[in-house]
């Protein structure tokens, strides 16, 4: 696999967070990274962007979020990113609804990660 330094990639640009973002994925790129900047959900907002990995695989894009062990695939990056945001919101709401003292080590780690990245709006 070809890992890219997106800060030097010709397919990246810097936006308001000062973090490179991928504007397109070239089949030759292999694996690259991007960030989710919006959860597309009322009542929640990101404190900081969530890193995702993007891999081109056999004509499809596979997007993963390693800390949460989530993945989704498809052909349109913007649609996949939106669906990944919905998966993250669903996981956040599910974990928030549970008694955190009864969570196992991995769900607790996920909840900590999500609390560091997401805040509820009043």
Protein backbone atom coordinates (compact mmCIF):
# COMPACT_ATOMS: atom_id res chain seq x y z
CA UNK A 1 0.00 0.00 0.00
CA UNK A 2 1.10 3.51 -0.73
CA UNK A 3 0.77 5.81 2.28
CA UNK A 4 0.66 9.51 1.49
CA UNK A 5 1.75 12.55 3.38
CA UNK A 6 -1.37 14.56 2.56
CA UNK A 7 0.34 17.81 3.52
CA UNK A 8 2.45 17.42 0.37
CA UNK A 9 -0.18 15.79 -1.84
CA UNK A 10 -1.37 17.55 -4.96
CA UNK A 11 -4.92 16.46 -4.08
CA UNK A 12 -5.03 18.31 -0.77
CA UNK A 13 -5.62 21.86 0.34
CA UNK A 14 -5.67 23.60 3.71
CA UNK A 15 -8.97 24.83 5.09
CA UNK A 16 -9.96 26.84 8.16
CA UNK A 17 -8.76 24.21 10.66
CA UNK A 18 -5.28 24.34 9.14
CA UNK A 19 -5.55 20.59 8.52
CA UNK A 20 -5.14 19.14 5.02
CA UNK A 21 -8.31 17.81 3.44
CA UNK A 22 -8.64 15.53 0.44
CA UNK A 23 -10.57 17.04 -2.45
CA UNK A 24 -10.51 13.90 -4.56
CA UNK A 25 -9.20 10.38 -4.31
CA UNK A 26 -7.10 9.03 -7.13
CA UNK A 27 -7.07 5.22 -7.59
CA UNK A 28 -3.27 5.38 -7.54
CA UNK A 29 -3.24 6.97 -4.10
CA UNK A 30 -3.95 3.73 -2.18
CA UNK A 31 -4.55 4.98 1.37
CA UNK A 32 -4.87 8.56 2.54
CA UNK A 33 -6.51 10.48 5.38
CA UNK A 34 -9.16 13.14 5.78
CA UNK A 35 -11.22 14.60 8.62
CA UNK A 36 -14.91 14.75 9.46
CA UNK A 37 -15.71 18.38 10.27
CA UNK A 38 -19.49 18.19 10.65
CA UNK A 39 -21.86 15.66 12.23
CA UNK A 40 -24.93 16.88 10.29
CA UNK A 41 -26.98 16.47 13.47
CA UNK A 42 -28.87 19.13 15.42
CA UNK A 43 -27.86 19.41 19.04
CA UNK A 44 -24.32 18.08 18.54
CA UNK A 45 -21.16 19.65 17.24
CA UNK A 46 -17.54 18.68 16.94
CA UNK A 47 -15.02 20.18 19.35
CA UNK A 48 -12.30 19.03 16.94
CA UNK A 49 -12.32 17.13 13.64
CA UNK A 50 -12.33 13.32 13.61
CA UNK A 51 -9.62 11.62 11.56
CA UNK A 52 -10.71 9.04 8.99
CA UNK A 53 -8.71 6.85 6.60
CA UNK A 54 -9.71 6.49 2.96
CA UNK A 55 -8.64 3.50 0.91
CA UNK A 56 -9.38 2.90 -2.76
CA UNK A 57 -10.15 -0.79 -3.16
CA UNK A 58 -11.41 -2.51 -6.34
CA UNK A 59 -13.43 0.47 -7.58
CA UNK A 60 -14.85 1.33 -4.15
CA UNK A 61 -13.77 3.66 -1.40
CA UNK A 62 -13.45 2.20 2.09
CA UNK A 63 -13.53 4.76 4.89
CA UNK A 64 -12.45 3.72 8.38
CA UNK A 65 -12.26 5.37 11.78
CA UNK A 66 -9.69 3.33 13.66
CA UNK A 67 -10.22 4.56 17.23
CA UNK A 68 -13.90 3.59 17.04
CA UNK A 69 -13.42 0.49 14.85
CA UNK A 70 -15.97 1.79 12.30
CA UNK A 71 -15.92 1.37 8.53
CA UNK A 72 -18.16 2.05 5.55
CA UNK A 73 -17.71 1.69 1.79
CA UNK A 74 -19.14 3.20 -1.37
CA UNK A 75 -18.22 5.13 -4.49
CA UNK A 76 -18.86 8.77 -3.50
CA UNK A 77 -16.56 10.23 -0.85
CA UNK A 78 -18.93 12.98 0.34
CA UNK A 79 -21.81 10.50 0.77
CA UNK A 80 -19.55 8.05 2.62
CA UNK A 81 -18.26 10.81 4.91
CA UNK A 82 -21.88 11.79 5.72
CA UNK A 83 -22.76 8.17 6.49
CA UNK A 84 -19.63 7.84 8.66
CA UNK A 85 -20.74 10.94 10.58
CA UNK A 86 -24.14 9.28 11.17
CA UNK A 87 -22.43 6.10 12.41
CA UNK A 88 -20.35 8.17 14.81
CA UNK A 89 -23.42 10.04 16.09
CA UNK A 90 -25.30 6.75 16.56
CA UNK A 91 -22.43 5.25 18.53
CA UNK A 92 -22.11 8.42 20.63
CA UNK A 93 -25.81 8.44 21.50
CA UNK A 94 -25.82 4.71 22.27
CA UNK A 95 -22.80 4.92 24.57
CA UNK A 96 -24.15 8.08 26.27
CA UNK A 97 -27.38 6.22 27.06
CA UNK A 98 -25.56 3.42 28.90
CA UNK A 99 -24.15 3.37 32.42
CA UNK A 100 -20.50 4.22 31.76
CA UNK A 101 -19.42 2.31 34.89
CA UNK A 102 -20.68 -0.92 33.33
CA UNK A 103 -18.94 -0.45 29.98
CA UNK A 104 -16.08 -2.75 29.06
CA UNK A 105 -12.61 -1.40 28.23
CA UNK A 106 -13.16 -0.85 24.49
CA UNK A 107 -16.60 0.82 24.76
CA UNK A 108 -15.19 3.02 27.55
CA UNK A 109 -12.27 3.98 25.31
CA UNK A 110 -14.74 4.83 22.51
CA UNK A 111 -16.86 6.94 24.86
CA UNK A 112 -13.79 8.84 26.05
CA UNK A 113 -12.72 9.47 22.45
CA UNK A 114 -16.21 10.65 21.49
CA UNK A 115 -16.51 12.93 24.55
CA UNK A 116 -13.18 14.51 23.55
CA UNK A 117 -14.50 15.23 20.05
CA UNK A 118 -18.25 15.88 20.43
CA UNK A 119 -20.24 18.28 22.55
CA UNK A 120 -23.95 18.65 23.08
CA UNK A 121 -25.47 22.04 22.33
CA UNK A 122 -28.11 23.50 24.59
